[in-house]
Amino acid sequence: MTMTITRHDPTSILSNAVQHGDTVYLAGVVAKNLDQDVKGQTKQVLDEIDRLLAKCGSNKSKVLSATIWVTDIRNRAPMNEVWTAWVDAKNLPARACIEAKLADPRALVEIMVIAAK
């Protein structure tokens, strides 16, 4: 039996979400309004993750793993405030938080998740 691969919201270089079987893979998500601080950007990112997961028939309670990049590790604490308010406390994913340069220097946080459907 072959599993179907469904790609959502493609751009010229990637698909923002890919479904394979009962697994959903999201591309790294950055904020659209980059004039906000790390908390504002994190809220935007998580709202977009919610949208993409819903489009794939999933939600934050089914997130298996998350990779978070911050441009300054000192932004980890304020980012975590927004993350903690959003994440399903009864279904915490495996997670990494890494300091890294992002493609747009105004972006302060990027998050990529893998979720069950």
PDB file of N, CA and C in Angstrom:
ATOM      1  N   MET A   1       0.837  -1.178   0.000  1.00  0.00           N
ATOM      2  CA  MET A   1       0.000   0.000   0.000  1.00  0.00           C
ATOM      3  C   MET A   1       0.885   1.245   0.000  1.00  0.00           C
ATOM      4  N   THR A   2       0.657   2.147  -0.922  1.00  0.00           N
ATOM      5  CA  THR A   2       1.428   3.381  -0.962  1.00  0.00           C
ATOM      6  C   THR A   2       0.663   4.482  -0.250  1.00  0.00           C
ATOM      7  N   MET A   3       1.407   5.295   0.487  1.00  0.00           N
ATOM      8  CA  MET A   3       0.790   6.420   1.190  1.00  0.00           C
ATOM      9  C   MET A   3       0.868   7.652   0.321  1.00  0.00           C
ATOM     10  N   THR A   4      -0.218   8.385   0.299  1.00  0.00           N
ATOM     11  CA  THR A   4      -0.283   9.615  -0.470  1.00  0.00           C
ATOM     12  C   THR A   4       0.502  10.721   0.220  1.00  0.00           C
ATOM     13  N   ILE A   5       1.145  11.536  -0.585  1.00  0.00           N
ATOM     14  CA  ILE A   5       1.814  12.730  -0.087  1.00  0.00           C
ATOM     15  C   ILE A   5       1.016  13.927  -0.594  1.00  0.00           C
ATOM     16  N   THR A   6       0.595  14.781   0.327  1.00  0.00           N
ATOM     17  CA  THR A   6      -0.153  15.987  -0.029  1.00  0.00           C
ATOM     18  C   THR A   6       0.648  17.195   0.412  1.00  0.00           C
ATOM     19  N   ARG A   7       0.825  18.147  -0.510  1.00  0.00           N
ATOM     20  CA  ARG A   7       1.598  19.354  -0.223  1.00  0.00           C
ATOM     21  C   ARG A   7       0.658  20.562  -0.205  1.00  0.00           C
ATOM     22  N   HIS A   8       0.817  21.407   0.813  1.00  0.00           N
ATOM     23  CA  HIS A   8      -0.047  22.585   0.979  1.00  0.00           C
ATOM     24  C   HIS A   8       0.766  23.869   0.918  1.00  0.00           C
ATOM     25  N   ASP A   9       0.129  24.913   0.399  1.00  0.00           N
ATOM     26  CA  ASP A   9       0.706  26.261   0.367  1.00  0.00           C
ATOM     27  C   ASP A   9       2.133  26.277  -0.177  1.00  0.00           C
ATOM     28  N   PRO A  10       2.315  25.764  -1.413  1.00  0.00           N
ATOM     29  CA  PRO A  10       3.675  25.762  -1.977  1.00  0.00           C
ATOM     30  C   PRO A  10       4.138  27.169  -2.363  1.00  0.00           C
ATOM     31  N   THR A  11       5.448  27.373  -2.261  1.00  0.00           N
ATOM     32  CA  THR A  11       6.087  28.596  -2.764  1.00  0.00           C
ATOM     33  C   THR A  11       7.023  28.153  -3.878  1.00  0.00           C
ATOM     34  N   SER A  12       7.879  29.038  -4.329  1.00  0.00           N
ATOM     35  CA  SER A  12       8.813  28.665  -5.396  1.00  0.00           C
ATOM     36  C   SER A  12       9.900  27.717  -4.904  1.00  0.00           C
ATOM     37  N   ILE A  13      10.108  27.634  -3.566  1.00  0.00           N
ATOM     38  CA  ILE A  13      11.201  26.798  -3.059  1.00  0.00           C
ATOM     39  C   ILE A  13      10.784  25.726  -2.058  1.00  0.00           C
ATOM     40  N   LEU A  14       9.539  25.771  -1.555  1.00  0.00           N
ATOM     41  CA  LEU A  14       9.129  24.789  -0.544  1.00  0.00           C
ATOM     42  C   LEU A  14       7.623  24.709  -0.442  1.00  0.00           C
ATOM     43  N   SER A  15       7.153  23.665   0.224  1.00  0.00           N
ATOM     44  CA  SER A  15       5.748  23.564   0.614  1.00  0.00           C
ATOM     45  C   SER A  15       5.687  23.918   2.093  1.00  0.00           C
ATOM     46  N   ASN A  16       4.714  24.726   2.482  1.00  0.00           N
ATOM     47  CA  ASN A  16       4.611  25.129   3.883  1.00  0.00           C
ATOM     48  C   ASN A  16       4.133  24.002   4.781  1.00  0.00           C
ATOM     49  N   ALA A  17       3.422  23.027   4.203  1.00  0.00           N
ATOM     50  CA  ALA A  17       2.992  21.849   4.963  1.00  0.00           C
ATOM     51  C   ALA A  17       2.975  20.655   4.024  1.00  0.00           C
ATOM     52  N   VAL A  18       3.425  19.510   4.532  1.00  0.00           N
ATOM     53  CA  VAL A  18       3.416  18.267   3.766  1.00  0.00           C
ATOM     54  C   VAL A  18       2.814  17.182   4.646  1.00  0.00           C
ATOM     55  N   GLN A  19       1.812  16.489   4.112  1.00  0.00           N
ATOM     56  CA  GLN A  19       1.200  15.362   4.812  1.00  0.00           C
ATOM     57  C   GLN A  19       1.662  14.078   4.155  1.00  0.00           C
ATOM     58  N   HIS A  20       2.058  13.116   4.983  1.00  0.00           N
ATOM     59  CA  HIS A  20       2.417  11.791   4.506  1.00  0.00           C
ATOM     60  C   HIS A  20       1.840  10.805   5.500  1.00  0.00           C
ATOM     61  N   GLY A  21       0.870  10.037   5.075  1.00  0.00           N
ATOM     62  CA  GLY A  21       0.198   9.138   6.003  1.00  0.00           C
ATOM     63  C   GLY A  21      -0.457   9.945   7.102  1.00  0.00           C
ATOM     64  N   ASP A  22      -0.176   9.596   8.345  1.00  0.00           N
ATOM     65  CA  ASP A  22      -0.753  10.298   9.486  1.00  0.00           C
ATOM     66  C   ASP A  22       0.217  11.293  10.112  1.00  0.00           C
ATOM     67  N   THR A  23       1.202  11.741   9.336  1.00  0.00           N
ATOM     68  CA  THR A  23       2.190  12.695   9.845  1.00  0.00           C
ATOM     69  C   THR A  23       2.147  13.975   9.031  1.00  0.00           C
ATOM     70  N   VAL A  24       2.254  15.094   9.734  1.00  0.00           N
ATOM     71  CA  VAL A  24       2.246  16.423   9.114  1.00  0.00           C
ATOM     72  C   VAL A  24       3.588  17.087   9.407  1.00  0.00           C
ATOM     73  N   TYR A  25       4.244  17.557   8.363  1.00  0.00           N
ATOM     74  CA  TYR A  25       5.532  18.240   8.476  1.00  0.00           C
ATOM     75  C   TYR A  25       5.334  19.689   8.055  1.00  0.00           C
ATOM     76  N   LEU A  26       5.666  20.625   8.923  1.00  0.00           N
ATOM     77  CA  LEU A  26       5.577  22.035   8.559  1.00  0.00           C
ATOM     78  C   LEU A  26       6.965  22.580   8.276  1.00  0.00           C
ATOM     79  N   ALA A  27       7.032  23.490   7.316  1.00  0.00           N
ATOM     80  CA  ALA A  27       8.278  24.214   7.057  1.00  0.00           C
ATOM     81  C   ALA A  27       8.511  25.169   8.219  1.00  0.00           C
ATOM     82  N   GLY A  28       9.706  25.694   8.314  1.00  0.00           N
ATOM     83  CA  GLY A  28       9.972  26.712   9.317  1.00  0.00           C
ATOM     84  C   GLY A  28       9.083  27.923   9.065  1.00  0.00           C
ATOM     85  N   VAL A  29       8.440  28.411  10.117  1.00  0.00           N
ATOM     86  CA  VAL A  29       7.514  29.534  10.003  1.00  0.00           C
ATOM     87  C   VAL A  29       8.125  30.753  10.682  1.00  0.00           C
ATOM     88  N   VAL A  30       8.127  31.871   9.965  1.00  0.00           N
ATOM     89  CA  VAL A  30       8.539  33.154  10.533  1.00  0.00           C
ATOM     90  C   VAL A  30       7.348  34.104  10.470  1.00  0.00           C
ATOM     91  N   ALA A  31       7.409  35.165  11.260  1.00  0.00           N
ATOM     92  CA  ALA A  31       6.327  36.151  11.297  1.00  0.00           C
ATOM     93  C   ALA A  31       6.243  36.899   9.970  1.00  0.00           C
ATOM     94  N   LYS A  32       5.049  37.363   9.649  1.00  0.00           N
ATOM     95  CA  LYS A  32       4.870  38.200   8.456  1.00  0.00           C
ATOM     96  C   LYS A  32       5.179  39.661   8.785  1.00  0.00           C
ATOM     97  N   ASN A  33       4.773  40.118   9.979  1.00  0.00           N
ATOM     98  CA  ASN A  33       5.064  41.487  10.428  1.00  0.00           C
ATOM     99  C   ASN A  33       6.331  41.443  11.280  1.00  0.00           C
ATOM    100  N   LEU A  34       7.443  41.808  10.676  1.00  0.00           N
ATOM    101  CA  LEU A  34       8.736  41.693  11.349  1.00  0.00           C
ATOM    102  C   LEU A  34       9.089  42.938  12.163  1.00  0.00           C
ATOM    103  N   ASP A  35       8.150  43.874  12.288  1.00  0.00           N
ATOM    104  CA  ASP A  35       8.394  45.068  13.088  1.00  0.00           C
ATOM    105  C   ASP A  35       8.085  44.831  14.566  1.00  0.00           C
ATOM    106  N   GLN A  36       7.576  43.649  14.914  1.00  0.00           N
ATOM    107  CA  GLN A  36       7.241  43.346  16.300  1.00  0.00           C
ATOM    108  C   GLN A  36       8.430  42.754  17.050  1.00  0.00           C
ATOM    109  N   ASP A  37       8.332  42.767  18.394  1.00  0.00           N
ATOM    110  CA  ASP A  37       9.366  42.152  19.230  1.00  0.00           C
ATOM    111  C   ASP A  37       9.217  40.629  19.167  1.00  0.00           C
ATOM    112  N   VAL A  38      10.082  39.919  19.879  1.00  0.00           N
ATOM    113  CA  VAL A  38      10.091  38.456  19.784  1.00  0.00           C
ATOM    114  C   VAL A  38       8.766  37.854  20.255  1.00  0.00           C
ATOM    115  N   LYS A  39       8.121  38.460  21.246  1.00  0.00           N
ATOM    116  CA  LYS A  39       6.839  37.929  21.711  1.00  0.00           C
ATOM    117  C   LYS A  39       5.771  38.080  20.625  1.00  0.00           C
ATOM    118  N   GLY A  40       5.720  39.257  20.005  1.00  0.00           N
ATOM    119  CA  GLY A  40       4.758  39.487  18.929  1.00  0.00           C
ATOM    120  C   GLY A  40       5.014  38.571  17.745  1.00  0.00           C
ATOM    121  N   GLN A  41       6.285  38.406  17.384  1.00  0.00           N
ATOM    122  CA  GLN A  41       6.620  37.517  16.264  1.00  0.00           C
ATOM    123  C   GLN A  41       6.277  36.074  16.604  1.00  0.00           C
ATOM    124  N   THR A  42       6.552  35.644  17.837  1.00  0.00           N
ATOM    125  CA  THR A  42       6.243  34.265  18.228  1.00  0.00           C
ATOM    126  C   THR A  42       4.737  34.019  18.148  1.00  0.00           C
ATOM    127  N   LYS A  43       3.928  34.966  18.593  1.00  0.00           N
ATOM    128  CA  LYS A  43       2.465  34.836  18.520  1.00  0.00           C
ATOM    129  C   LYS A  43       2.024  34.669  17.066  1.00  0.00           C
ATOM    130  N   GLN A  44       2.572  35.472  16.167  1.00  0.00           N
ATOM    131  CA  GLN A  44       2.237  35.353  14.741  1.00  0.00           C
ATOM    132  C   GLN A  44       2.616  33.973  14.202  1.00  0.00           C
ATOM    133  N   VAL A  45       3.810  33.512  14.565  1.00  0.00           N
ATOM    134  CA  VAL A  45       4.292  32.203  14.097  1.00  0.00           C
ATOM    135  C   VAL A  45       3.361  31.097  14.578  1.00  0.00           C
ATOM    136  N   LEU A  46       2.987  31.133  15.852  1.00  0.00           N
ATOM    137  CA  LEU A  46       2.126  30.084  16.399  1.00  0.00           C
ATOM    138  C   LEU A  46       0.719  30.139  15.805  1.00  0.00           C
ATOM    139  N   ASP A  47       0.226  31.335  15.502  1.00  0.00           N
ATOM    140  CA  ASP A  47      -1.069  31.455  14.815  1.00  0.00           C
ATOM    141  C   ASP A  47      -1.003  30.801  13.433  1.00  0.00           C
ATOM    142  N   GLU A  48       0.093  30.998  12.726  1.00  0.00           N
ATOM    143  CA  GLU A  48       0.265  30.390  11.402  1.00  0.00           C
ATOM    144  C   GLU A  48       0.420  28.875  11.522  1.00  0.00           C
ATOM    145  N   ILE A  49       1.118  28.409  12.548  1.00  0.00           N
ATOM    146  CA  ILE A  49       1.226  26.965  12.780  1.00  0.00           C
ATOM    147  C   ILE A  49      -0.153  26.377  13.034  1.00  0.00           C
ATOM    148  N   ASP A  50      -0.966  27.060  13.854  1.00  0.00           N
ATOM    149  CA  ASP A  50      -2.346  26.608  14.083  1.00  0.00           C
ATOM    150  C   ASP A  50      -3.107  26.500  12.766  1.00  0.00           C
ATOM    151  N   ARG A  51      -2.979  27.506  11.901  1.00  0.00           N
ATOM    152  CA  ARG A  51      -3.682  27.515  10.612  1.00  0.00           C
ATOM    153  C   ARG A  51      -3.248  26.346   9.731  1.00  0.00           C
ATOM    154  N   LEU A  52      -1.938  26.149   9.631  1.00  0.00           N
ATOM    155  CA  LEU A  52      -1.424  25.073   8.784  1.00  0.00           C
ATOM    156  C   LEU A  52      -1.804  23.700   9.327  1.00  0.00           C
ATOM    157  N   LEU A  53      -1.709  23.518  10.643  1.00  0.00           N
ATOM    158  CA  LEU A  53      -2.092  22.225  11.228  1.00  0.00           C
ATOM    159  C   LEU A  53      -3.574  21.943  10.976  1.00  0.00           C
ATOM    160  N   ALA A  54      -4.423  22.948  11.158  1.00  0.00           N
ATOM    161  CA  ALA A  54      -5.864  22.766  10.927  1.00  0.00           C
ATOM    162  C   ALA A  54      -6.131  22.389   9.470  1.00  0.00           C
ATOM    163  N   LYS A  55      -5.409  23.011   8.561  1.00  0.00           N
ATOM    164  CA  LYS A  55      -5.563  22.709   7.134  1.00  0.00           C
ATOM    165  C   LYS A  55      -5.249  21.242   6.845  1.00  0.00           C
ATOM    166  N   CYS A  56      -4.378  20.665   7.669  1.00  0.00           N
ATOM    167  CA  CYS A  56      -3.962  19.273   7.500  1.00  0.00           C
ATOM    168  C   CYS A  56      -4.739  18.314   8.404  1.00  0.00           C
ATOM    169  N   GLY A  57      -5.739  18.812   9.121  1.00  0.00           N
ATOM    170  CA  GLY A  57      -6.530  17.953   9.993  1.00  0.00           C
ATOM    171  C   GLY A  57      -5.848  17.628  11.309  1.00  0.00           C
ATOM    172  N   SER A  58      -4.984  18.530  11.778  1.00  0.00           N
ATOM    173  CA  SER A  58      -4.265  18.311  13.029  1.00  0.00           C
ATOM    174  C   SER A  58      -4.425  19.543  13.914  1.00  0.00           C
ATOM    175  N   ASN A  59      -3.766  19.531  15.069  1.00  0.00           N
ATOM    176  CA  ASN A  59      -3.777  20.685  15.968  1.00  0.00           C
ATOM    177  C   ASN A  59      -2.602  20.590  16.928  1.00  0.00           C
ATOM    178  N   LYS A  60      -2.431  21.632  17.738  1.00  0.00           N
ATOM    179  CA  LYS A  60      -1.249  21.714  18.605  1.00  0.00           C
ATOM    180  C   LYS A  60      -1.141  20.578  19.616  1.00  0.00           C
ATOM    181  N   SER A  61      -2.256  19.929  19.960  1.00  0.00           N
ATOM    182  CA  SER A  61      -2.173  18.811  20.910  1.00  0.00           C
ATOM    183  C   SER A  61      -1.508  17.587  20.286  1.00  0.00           C
ATOM    184  N   LYS A  62      -1.349  17.607  18.964  1.00  0.00           N
ATOM    185  CA  LYS A  62      -0.753  16.472  18.258  1.00  0.00           C
ATOM    186  C   LYS A  62       0.665  16.749  17.774  1.00  0.00           C
ATOM    187  N   VAL A  63       1.236  17.874  18.196  1.00  0.00           N
ATOM    188  CA  VAL A  63       2.615  18.188  17.802  1.00  0.00           C
ATOM    189  C   VAL A  63       3.559  17.200  18.475  1.00  0.00           C
ATOM    190  N   LEU A  64       4.378  16.544  17.675  1.00  0.00           N
ATOM    191  CA  LEU A  64       5.336  15.550  18.159  1.00  0.00           C
ATOM    192  C   LEU A  64       6.678  16.180  18.508  1.00  0.00           C
ATOM    193  N   SER A  65       7.130  17.096  17.646  1.00  0.00           N
ATOM    194  CA  SER A  65       8.415  17.743  17.892  1.00  0.00           C
ATOM    195  C   SER A  65       8.394  19.157  17.336  1.00  0.00           C
ATOM    196  N   ALA A  66       9.224  19.998  17.930  1.00  0.00           N
ATOM    197  CA  ALA A  66       9.349  21.384  17.481  1.00  0.00           C
ATOM    198  C   ALA A  66      10.826  21.765  17.508  1.00  0.00           C
ATOM    199  N   THR A  67      11.234  22.477  16.473  1.00  0.00           N
ATOM    200  CA  THR A  67      12.564  23.064  16.438  1.00  0.00           C
ATOM    201  C   THR A  67      12.365  24.565  16.370  1.00  0.00           C
ATOM    202  N   ILE A  68      12.990  25.273  17.297  1.00  0.00           N
ATOM    203  CA  ILE A  68      12.834  26.722  17.393  1.00  0.00           C
ATOM    204  C   ILE A  68      14.209  27.358  17.234  1.00  0.00           C
ATOM    205  N   TRP A  69      14.279  28.331  16.340  1.00  0.00           N
ATOM    206  CA  TRP A  69      15.503  29.104  16.164  1.00  0.00           C
ATOM    207  C   TRP A  69      15.235  30.521  16.635  1.00  0.00           C
ATOM    208  N   VAL A  70      16.097  31.051  17.477  1.00  0.00           N
ATOM    209  CA  VAL A  70      16.048  32.456  17.884  1.00  0.00           C
ATOM    210  C   VAL A  70      17.368  33.109  17.476  1.00  0.00           C
ATOM    211  N   THR A  71      17.303  34.364  17.072  1.00  0.00           N
ATOM    212  CA  THR A  71      18.522  35.037  16.613  1.00  0.00           C
ATOM    213  C   THR A  71      19.414  35.456  17.771  1.00  0.00           C
ATOM    214  N   ASP A  72      18.831  35.521  18.970  1.00  0.00           N
ATOM    215  CA  ASP A  72      19.590  35.863  20.169  1.00  0.00           C
ATOM    216  C   ASP A  72      19.054  34.981  21.295  1.00  0.00           C
ATOM    217  N   ILE A  73      19.892  34.148  21.868  1.00  0.00           N
ATOM    218  CA  ILE A  73      19.433  33.194  22.883  1.00  0.00           C
ATOM    219  C   ILE A  73      18.817  33.914  24.087  1.00  0.00           C
ATOM    220  N   ARG A  74      19.132  35.199  24.255  1.00  0.00           N
ATOM    221  CA  ARG A  74      18.505  35.975  25.331  1.00  0.00           C
ATOM    222  C   ARG A  74      17.009  36.176  25.068  1.00  0.00           C
ATOM    223  N   ASN A  75      16.572  35.945  23.835  1.00  0.00           N
ATOM    224  CA  ASN A  75      15.141  36.032  23.503  1.00  0.00           C
ATOM    225  C   ASN A  75      14.403  34.732  23.827  1.00  0.00           C
ATOM    226  N   ARG A  76      15.110  33.731  24.305  1.00  0.00           N
ATOM    227  CA  ARG A  76      14.477  32.442  24.622  1.00  0.00           C
ATOM    228  C   ARG A  76      13.404  32.599  25.692  1.00  0.00           C
ATOM    229  N   ALA A  77      13.683  33.338  26.748  1.00  0.00           N
ATOM    230  CA  ALA A  77      12.718  33.489  27.848  1.00  0.00           C
ATOM    231  C   ALA A  77      11.429  34.183  27.397  1.00  0.00           C
ATOM    232  N   PRO A  78      11.490  35.344  26.715  1.00  0.00           N
ATOM    233  CA  PRO A  78      10.227  35.943  26.262  1.00  0.00           C
ATOM    234  C   PRO A  78       9.508  35.089  25.213  1.00  0.00           C
ATOM    235  N   MET A  79      10.250  34.421  24.350  1.00  0.00           N
ATOM    236  CA  MET A  79       9.624  33.509  23.383  1.00  0.00           C
ATOM    237  C   MET A  79       8.904  32.397  24.139  1.00  0.00           C
ATOM    238  N   ASN A  80       9.550  31.853  25.186  1.00  0.00           N
ATOM    239  CA  ASN A  80       8.957  30.768  25.975  1.00  0.00           C
ATOM    240  C   ASN A  80       7.666  31.189  26.674  1.00  0.00           C
ATOM    241  N   GLU A  81       7.545  32.462  27.043  1.00  0.00           N
ATOM    242  CA  GLU A  81       6.294  32.941  27.649  1.00  0.00           C
ATOM    243  C   GLU A  81       5.125  32.729  26.691  1.00  0.00           C
ATOM    244  N   VAL A  82       5.327  33.094  25.435  1.00  0.00           N
ATOM    245  CA  VAL A  82       4.278  32.949  24.426  1.00  0.00           C
ATOM    246  C   VAL A  82       4.084  31.470  24.100  1.00  0.00           C
ATOM    247  N   TRP A  83       5.175  30.732  23.953  1.00  0.00           N
ATOM    248  CA  TRP A  83       5.114  29.293  23.669  1.00  0.00           C
ATOM    249  C   TRP A  83       4.319  28.563  24.755  1.00  0.00           C
ATOM    250  N   THR A  84       4.632  28.841  26.027  1.00  0.00           N
ATOM    251  CA  THR A  84       3.993  28.151  27.149  1.00  0.00           C
ATOM    252  C   THR A  84       2.491  28.438  27.198  1.00  0.00           C
ATOM    253  N   ALA A  85       2.103  29.657  26.848  1.00  0.00           N
ATOM    254  CA  ALA A  85       0.678  30.005  26.819  1.00  0.00           C
ATOM    255  C   ALA A  85      -0.040  29.282  25.676  1.00  0.00           C
ATOM    256  N   TRP A  86       0.692  28.966  24.606  1.00  0.00           N
ATOM    257  CA  TRP A  86       0.091  28.339  23.421  1.00  0.00           C
ATOM    258  C   TRP A  86       0.078  26.813  23.490  1.00  0.00           C
ATOM    259  N   VAL A  87       1.182  26.218  23.877  1.00  0.00           N
ATOM    260  CA  VAL A  87       1.354  24.769  23.781  1.00  0.00           C
ATOM    261  C   VAL A  87       0.351  24.030  24.670  1.00  0.00           C
ATOM    262  N   ASP A  88      -0.032  22.829  24.247  1.00  0.00           N
ATOM    263  CA  ASP A  88      -0.934  21.989  25.042  1.00  0.00           C
ATOM    264  C   ASP A  88      -0.112  21.368  26.177  1.00  0.00           C
ATOM    265  N   ALA A  89      -0.315  21.849  27.398  1.00  0.00           N
ATOM    266  CA  ALA A  89       0.498  21.430  28.547  1.00  0.00           C
ATOM    267  C   ALA A  89       0.400  19.934  28.842  1.00  0.00           C
ATOM    268  N   LYS A  90      -0.688  19.294  28.410  1.00  0.00           N
ATOM    269  CA  LYS A  90      -0.860  17.853  28.648  1.00  0.00           C
ATOM    270  C   LYS A  90      -0.230  17.017  27.539  1.00  0.00           C
ATOM    271  N   ASN A  91       0.195  17.680  26.455  1.00  0.00           N
ATOM    272  CA  ASN A  91       0.765  16.973  25.303  1.00  0.00           C
ATOM    273  C   ASN A  91       1.991  17.723  24.791  1.00  0.00           C
ATOM    274  N   LEU A  92       2.980  17.873  25.655  1.00  0.00           N
ATOM    275  CA  LEU A  92       4.179  18.622  25.277  1.00  0.00           C
ATOM    276  C   LEU A  92       5.003  17.849  24.249  1.00  0.00           C
ATOM    277  N   PRO A  93       5.453  18.537  23.196  1.00  0.00           N
ATOM    278  CA  PRO A  93       6.293  17.870  22.203  1.00  0.00           C
ATOM    279  C   PRO A  93       7.749  17.806  22.644  1.00  0.00           C
ATOM    280  N   ALA A  94       8.516  16.974  21.979  1.00  0.00           N
ATOM    281  CA  ALA A  94       9.975  17.063  22.092  1.00  0.00           C
ATOM    282  C   ALA A  94      10.354  18.397  21.447  1.00  0.00           C
ATOM    283  N   ARG A  95      11.423  19.041  21.939  1.00  0.00           N
ATOM    284  CA  ARG A  95      11.706  20.382  21.449  1.00  0.00           C
ATOM    285  C   ARG A  95      13.181  20.721  21.557  1.00  0.00           C
ATOM    286  N   ALA A  96      13.653  21.526  20.611  1.00  0.00           N
ATOM    287  CA  ALA A  96      14.990  22.108  20.686  1.00  0.00           C
ATOM    288  C   ALA A  96      14.858  23.598  20.430  1.00  0.00           C
ATOM    289  N   CYS A  97      15.703  24.394  21.071  1.00  0.00           N
ATOM    290  CA  CYS A  97      15.752  25.836  20.839  1.00  0.00           C
ATOM    291  C   CYS A  97      17.209  26.200  20.587  1.00  0.00           C
ATOM    292  N   ILE A  98      17.458  26.795  19.425  1.00  0.00           N
ATOM    293  CA  ILE A  98      18.819  27.023  18.956  1.00  0.00           C
ATOM    294  C   ILE A  98      18.996  28.481  18.573  1.00  0.00           C
ATOM    295  N   GLU A  99      20.139  29.062  18.912  1.00  0.00           N
ATOM    296  CA  GLU A  99      20.463  30.403  18.438  1.00  0.00           C
ATOM    297  C   GLU A  99      21.043  30.288  17.030  1.00  0.00           C
ATOM    298  N   ALA A 100      20.511  31.106  16.108  1.00  0.00           N
ATOM    299  CA  ALA A 100      20.971  31.039  14.715  1.00  0.00           C
ATOM    300  C   ALA A 100      20.641  32.333  13.979  1.00  0.00           C
ATOM    301  N   LYS A 101      21.387  32.605  12.926  1.00  0.00           N
ATOM    302  CA  LYS A 101      21.028  33.706  12.036  1.00  0.00           C
ATOM    303  C   LYS A 101      19.889  33.217  11.140  1.00  0.00           C
ATOM    304  N   LEU A 102      18.905  34.077  10.904  1.00  0.00           N
ATOM    305  CA  LEU A 102      17.790  33.734  10.020  1.00  0.00           C
ATOM    306  C   LEU A 102      17.939  34.488   8.702  1.00  0.00           C
ATOM    307  N   ALA A 103      17.203  34.055   7.679  1.00  0.00           N
ATOM    308  CA  ALA A 103      17.354  34.614   6.337  1.00  0.00           C
ATOM    309  C   ALA A 103      17.088  36.123   6.311  1.00  0.00           C
ATOM    310  N   ASP A 104      16.046  36.577   7.022  1.00  0.00           N
ATOM    311  CA  ASP A 104      15.748  38.002   7.099  1.00  0.00           C
ATOM    312  C   ASP A 104      16.270  38.507   8.443  1.00  0.00           C
ATOM    313  N   PRO A 105      17.167  39.477   8.445  1.00  0.00           N
ATOM    314  CA  PRO A 105      17.752  39.930   9.712  1.00  0.00           C
ATOM    315  C   PRO A 105      16.730  40.532  10.691  1.00  0.00           C
ATOM    316  N   ARG A 106      15.539  40.894  10.218  1.00  0.00           N
ATOM    317  CA  ARG A 106      14.504  41.424  11.110  1.00  0.00           C
ATOM    318  C   ARG A 106      13.729  40.310  11.815  1.00  0.00           C
ATOM    319  N   ALA A 107      13.821  39.081  11.298  1.00  0.00           N
ATOM    320  CA  ALA A 107      13.130  37.945  11.918  1.00  0.00           C
ATOM    321  C   ALA A 107      13.875  37.560  13.189  1.00  0.00           C
ATOM    322  N   LEU A 108      13.126  37.382  14.272  1.00  0.00           N
ATOM    323  CA  LEU A 108      13.728  37.060  15.565  1.00  0.00           C
ATOM    324  C   LEU A 108      13.526  35.612  15.977  1.00  0.00           C
ATOM    325  N   VAL A 109      12.543  34.936  15.363  1.00  0.00           N
ATOM    326  CA  VAL A 109      12.220  33.564  15.741  1.00  0.00           C
ATOM    327  C   VAL A 109      11.660  32.827  14.519  1.00  0.00           C
ATOM    328  N   GLU A 110      11.995  31.554  14.424  1.00  0.00           N
ATOM    329  CA  GLU A 110      11.445  30.659  13.391  1.00  0.00           C
ATOM    330  C   GLU A 110      11.138  29.333  14.088  1.00  0.00           C
ATOM    331  N   ILE A 111       9.976  28.768  13.780  1.00  0.00           N
ATOM    332  CA  ILE A 111       9.577  27.512  14.410  1.00  0.00           C
ATOM    333  C   ILE A 111       9.141  26.519  13.341  1.00  0.00           C
ATOM    334  N   MET A 112       9.593  25.280  13.470  1.00  0.00           N
ATOM    335  CA  MET A 112       9.205  24.196  12.578  1.00  0.00           C
ATOM    336  C   MET A 112       8.679  23.054  13.440  1.00  0.00           C
ATOM    337  N   VAL A 113       7.528  22.484  13.044  1.00  0.00           N
ATOM    338  CA  VAL A 113       6.967  21.380  13.828  1.00  0.00           C
ATOM    339  C   VAL A 113       6.636  20.185  12.952  1.00  0.00           C
ATOM    340  N   ILE A 114       6.598  19.042  13.597  1.00  0.00           N
ATOM    341  CA  ILE A 114       6.098  17.801  13.016  1.00  0.00           C
ATOM    342  C   ILE A 114       4.972  17.365  13.927  1.00  0.00           C
ATOM    343  N   ALA A 115       3.847  16.969  13.334  1.00  0.00           N
ATOM    344  CA  ALA A 115       2.671  16.593  14.133  1.00  0.00           C
ATOM    345  C   ALA A 115       2.019  15.327  13.578  1.00  0.00           C
ATOM    346  N   ALA A 116       1.303  14.653  14.463  1.00  0.00           N
ATOM    347  CA  ALA A 116       0.445  13.544  14.024  1.00  0.00           C
ATOM    348  C   ALA A 116      -0.841  14.159  13.489  1.00  0.00           C
ATOM    349  N   LYS A 117      -1.515  13.399  12.655  1.00  0.00           N
ATOM    350  CA  LYS A 117      -2.771  13.884  12.098  1.00  0.00           C
ATOM    351  C   LYS A 117      -3.925  13.564  13.019  1.00  0.00           C
TER     352      LYS A 117
END
